[in-house]
Amino acid sequence: AMYSLVTRPHKSWWSWAIHSLAHAVYTFGFIGMTPQLFVNYKLKSVAHLPWKAFMYKAFNTFIDDVFSWVIAMPMSHRIACLRDDVVFFVYLYQRYLYPVDKTRPNEFGMAYELPEGEAGEQDSAQP
């Protein structure tokens, strides 16, 4: 932000503030998308994602890129639209590299299978 203030002309302080805040949102938005990749790396597994949900995320990831290049908008916003593609391609690589763990909860807290130790405990707890 300070580099932009010194080297680039702005119409007003307000213009500089909005520009700086927009770039902060772009940066922290990218940082907010990466924790799942770190968890996948540490656990050496990927949480299960149903095929329909996976295709929805894939379609949503690439349709925003198409519209960012078709609709007139600042270049910084177009580049920010590509950040989710980077995260998506890293996720695809992790999905290829690591096994899919159906017992691990996904980002919504839903697990598609119970862990082996919990399956017997729930059966014995029911009358």
C-alpha atoms as a PDB file:
ATOM      1  CA  ALA A   1       0.000   0.000   0.000  1.00  0.00           C
ATOM      2  CA  MET A   2       2.813   2.385   0.815  1.00  0.00           C
ATOM      3  CA  TYR A   3       4.600   1.519  -2.437  1.00  0.00           C
ATOM      4  CA  SER A   4       1.445   2.370  -4.359  1.00  0.00           C
ATOM      5  CA  LEU A   5       1.091   5.649  -2.466  1.00  0.00           C
ATOM      6  CA  VAL A   6       4.633   6.714  -3.349  1.00  0.00           C
ATOM      7  CA  THR A   7       4.970   5.457  -6.935  1.00  0.00           C
ATOM      8  CA  ARG A   8       1.489   5.687  -8.486  1.00  0.00           C
ATOM      9  CA  PRO A   9      -0.692   8.735  -8.947  1.00  0.00           C
ATOM     10  CA  HIS A  10      -4.096   8.610  -7.231  1.00  0.00           C
ATOM     11  CA  LYS A  11      -6.957  11.049  -7.629  1.00  0.00           C
ATOM     12  CA  SER A  12      -7.415  11.398  -3.882  1.00  0.00           C
ATOM     13  CA  TRP A  13      -6.658   9.788  -0.540  1.00  0.00           C
ATOM     14  CA  TRP A  14     -10.004   8.059  -0.782  1.00  0.00           C
ATOM     15  CA  SER A  15      -8.989   6.483  -4.107  1.00  0.00           C
ATOM     16  CA  TRP A  16      -5.748   5.223  -2.562  1.00  0.00           C
ATOM     17  CA  ALA A  17      -7.588   3.816   0.475  1.00  0.00           C
ATOM     18  CA  ILE A  18     -10.149   1.940  -1.643  1.00  0.00           C
ATOM     19  CA  HIS A  19      -7.392   0.593  -3.893  1.00  0.00           C
ATOM     20  CA  SER A  20      -5.345  -0.587  -0.894  1.00  0.00           C
ATOM     21  CA  LEU A  21      -8.331  -2.188   0.820  1.00  0.00           C
ATOM     22  CA  ALA A  22      -9.322  -4.019  -2.365  1.00  0.00           C
ATOM     23  CA  HIS A  23      -5.837  -5.480  -2.674  1.00  0.00           C
ATOM     24  CA  ALA A  24      -5.919  -6.489   0.997  1.00  0.00           C
ATOM     25  CA  VAL A  25      -9.192  -8.321   0.388  1.00  0.00           C
ATOM     26  CA  TYR A  26      -7.665 -10.111  -2.615  1.00  0.00           C
ATOM     27  CA  THR A  27      -4.615 -11.135  -0.575  1.00  0.00           C
ATOM     28  CA  PHE A  28      -6.476 -12.322   2.505  1.00  0.00           C
ATOM     29  CA  GLY A  29      -9.054 -14.078   0.320  1.00  0.00           C
ATOM     30  CA  PHE A  30      -6.265 -16.198  -1.130  1.00  0.00           C
ATOM     31  CA  ILE A  31      -4.837 -16.872   2.311  1.00  0.00           C
ATOM     32  CA  GLY A  32      -8.310 -17.915   3.488  1.00  0.00           C
ATOM     33  CA  MET A  33      -8.526 -20.585   0.784  1.00  0.00           C
ATOM     34  CA  THR A  34      -5.287 -22.360   1.676  1.00  0.00           C
ATOM     35  CA  PRO A  35      -5.850 -23.967   5.131  1.00  0.00           C
ATOM     36  CA  GLN A  36      -7.537 -27.046   3.635  1.00  0.00           C
ATOM     37  CA  LEU A  37      -4.514 -27.629   1.425  1.00  0.00           C
ATOM     38  CA  PHE A  38      -2.263 -27.450   4.477  1.00  0.00           C
ATOM     39  CA  VAL A  39      -4.475 -29.910   6.398  1.00  0.00           C
ATOM     40  CA  ASN A  40      -4.411 -32.304   3.430  1.00  0.00           C
ATOM     41  CA  TYR A  41      -0.619 -32.069   3.321  1.00  0.00           C
ATOM     42  CA  LYS A  42      -0.194 -32.695   7.057  1.00  0.00           C
ATOM     43  CA  LEU A  43      -2.637 -35.637   7.161  1.00  0.00           C
ATOM     44  CA  LYS A  44      -1.421 -37.034   3.818  1.00  0.00           C
ATOM     45  CA  SER A  45      -5.044 -37.665   2.820  1.00  0.00           C
ATOM     46  CA  VAL A  46      -7.915 -35.829   1.156  1.00  0.00           C
ATOM     47  CA  ALA A  47     -11.436 -35.633   2.589  1.00  0.00           C
ATOM     48  CA  HIS A  48     -14.084 -37.368   0.479  1.00  0.00           C
ATOM     49  CA  LEU A  49     -16.063 -35.135  -1.856  1.00  0.00           C
ATOM     50  CA  PRO A  50     -19.082 -36.571  -3.706  1.00  0.00           C
ATOM     51  CA  TRP A  51     -18.916 -36.439  -7.491  1.00  0.00           C
ATOM     52  CA  LYS A  52     -21.789 -33.947  -7.828  1.00  0.00           C
ATOM     53  CA  ALA A  53     -20.286 -31.547  -5.299  1.00  0.00           C
ATOM     54  CA  PHE A  54     -16.882 -31.891  -6.946  1.00  0.00           C
ATOM     55  CA  MET A  55     -18.291 -31.059 -10.378  1.00  0.00           C
ATOM     56  CA  TYR A  56     -20.193 -28.077  -8.939  1.00  0.00           C
ATOM     57  CA  LYS A  57     -16.986 -26.697  -7.430  1.00  0.00           C
ATOM     58  CA  ALA A  58     -15.061 -27.314 -10.656  1.00  0.00           C
ATOM     59  CA  PHE A  59     -17.723 -25.595 -12.759  1.00  0.00           C
ATOM     60  CA  ASN A  60     -17.969 -22.684 -10.334  1.00  0.00           C
ATOM     61  CA  THR A  61     -14.185 -22.313 -10.299  1.00  0.00           C
ATOM     62  CA  PHE A  62     -13.897 -21.891 -14.039  1.00  0.00           C
ATOM     63  CA  ILE A  63     -17.098 -19.994 -14.849  1.00  0.00           C
ATOM     64  CA  ASP A  64     -15.964 -17.001 -12.779  1.00  0.00           C
ATOM     65  CA  ASP A  65     -12.759 -16.898 -14.847  1.00  0.00           C
ATOM     66  CA  VAL A  66     -14.731 -16.759 -18.075  1.00  0.00           C
ATOM     67  CA  PHE A  67     -16.833 -13.867 -16.830  1.00  0.00           C
ATOM     68  CA  SER A  68     -13.817 -12.031 -15.423  1.00  0.00           C
ATOM     69  CA  TRP A  69     -12.285 -11.911 -18.902  1.00  0.00           C
ATOM     70  CA  VAL A  70     -15.555 -11.173 -20.752  1.00  0.00           C
ATOM     71  CA  ILE A  71     -16.813  -8.365 -18.506  1.00  0.00           C
ATOM     72  CA  ALA A  72     -14.802  -5.145 -18.266  1.00  0.00           C
ATOM     73  CA  MET A  73     -13.097  -4.904 -14.877  1.00  0.00           C
ATOM     74  CA  PRO A  74      -9.715  -3.916 -13.441  1.00  0.00           C
ATOM     75  CA  MET A  75      -6.795  -6.247 -14.143  1.00  0.00           C
ATOM     76  CA  SER A  76      -6.147  -6.769 -10.418  1.00  0.00           C
ATOM     77  CA  HIS A  77      -9.652  -8.188 -10.034  1.00  0.00           C
ATOM     78  CA  ARG A  78      -9.125 -10.490 -13.021  1.00  0.00           C
ATOM     79  CA  ILE A  79      -5.939 -11.809 -11.482  1.00  0.00           C
ATOM     80  CA  ALA A  80      -7.717 -12.269  -8.147  1.00  0.00           C
ATOM     81  CA  CYS A  81     -10.303 -14.412  -9.934  1.00  0.00           C
ATOM     82  CA  LEU A  82      -7.490 -16.749 -10.950  1.00  0.00           C
ATOM     83  CA  ARG A  83      -6.431 -17.390  -7.347  1.00  0.00           C
ATOM     84  CA  ASP A  84      -9.131 -20.020  -6.817  1.00  0.00           C
ATOM     85  CA  ASP A  85      -7.823 -21.840  -9.904  1.00  0.00           C
ATOM     86  CA  VAL A  86      -4.405 -22.133  -8.298  1.00  0.00           C
ATOM     87  CA  VAL A  87      -5.938 -23.572  -5.129  1.00  0.00           C
ATOM     88  CA  PHE A  88      -8.155 -25.908  -7.188  1.00  0.00           C
ATOM     89  CA  PHE A  89      -5.218 -27.275  -9.195  1.00  0.00           C
ATOM     90  CA  VAL A  90      -3.223 -27.864  -6.007  1.00  0.00           C
ATOM     91  CA  TYR A  91      -6.263 -29.689  -4.584  1.00  0.00           C
ATOM     92  CA  LEU A  92      -6.474 -31.831  -7.734  1.00  0.00           C
ATOM     93  CA  TYR A  93      -2.796 -32.686  -7.396  1.00  0.00           C
ATOM     94  CA  GLN A  94      -3.305 -33.602  -3.728  1.00  0.00           C
ATOM     95  CA  ARG A  95      -6.299 -35.718  -4.673  1.00  0.00           C
ATOM     96  CA  TYR A  96      -4.107 -37.568  -7.173  1.00  0.00           C
ATOM     97  CA  LEU A  97      -1.205 -37.899  -4.728  1.00  0.00           C
ATOM     98  CA  TYR A  98      -2.991 -38.778  -1.456  1.00  0.00           C
ATOM     99  CA  PRO A  99      -5.696 -41.363  -0.700  1.00  0.00           C
ATOM    100  CA  VAL A 100      -9.294 -40.234  -0.196  1.00  0.00           C
ATOM    101  CA  ASP A 101     -10.376 -40.667   3.435  1.00  0.00           C
ATOM    102  CA  LYS A 102     -14.147 -41.090   3.706  1.00  0.00           C
ATOM    103  CA  THR A 103     -14.012 -41.029   7.520  1.00  0.00           C
ATOM    104  CA  ARG A 104     -12.485 -37.566   7.595  1.00  0.00           C
ATOM    105  CA  PRO A 105     -14.975 -34.672   7.801  1.00  0.00           C
ATOM    106  CA  ASN A 106     -14.937 -32.262   4.878  1.00  0.00           C
ATOM    107  CA  GLU A 107     -15.045 -28.458   5.176  1.00  0.00           C
ATOM    108  CA  PHE A 108     -18.763 -28.635   6.041  1.00  0.00           C
ATOM    109  CA  GLY A 109     -18.167 -31.116   8.909  1.00  0.00           C
ATOM    110  CA  MET A 110     -19.750 -34.073   7.109  1.00  0.00           C
ATOM    111  CA  ALA A 111     -18.047 -37.485   7.139  1.00  0.00           C
ATOM    112  CA  TYR A 112     -19.311 -40.142   4.731  1.00  0.00           C
ATOM    113  CA  GLU A 113     -18.246 -43.176   6.790  1.00  0.00           C
ATOM    114  CA  LEU A 114     -17.778 -43.723  10.505  1.00  0.00           C
ATOM    115  CA  PRO A 115     -14.323 -44.595  11.834  1.00  0.00           C
ATOM    116  CA  GLU A 116     -13.913 -48.315  12.625  1.00  0.00           C
ATOM    117  CA  GLY A 117     -13.904 -47.860  16.412  1.00  0.00           C
ATOM    118  CA  GLU A 118     -17.073 -45.724  16.461  1.00  0.00           C
ATOM    119  CA  ALA A 119     -19.248 -48.063  14.381  1.00  0.00           C
ATOM    120  CA  GLY A 120     -19.407 -50.699  17.126  1.00  0.00           C
ATOM    121  CA  GLU A 121     -19.945 -48.140  19.882  1.00  0.00           C
ATOM    122  CA  GLN A 122     -22.998 -46.651  18.198  1.00  0.00           C
ATOM    123  CA  ASP A 123     -24.578 -50.063  17.560  1.00  0.00           C
ATOM    124  CA  SER A 124     -24.182 -51.069  21.216  1.00  0.00           C
ATOM    125  CA  ALA A 125     -25.514 -47.730  22.482  1.00  0.00           C
ATOM    126  CA  GLN A 126     -28.856 -48.116  20.697  1.00  0.00           C
ATOM    127  CA  PRO A 127     -31.527 -50.158  22.529  1.00  0.00           C
END
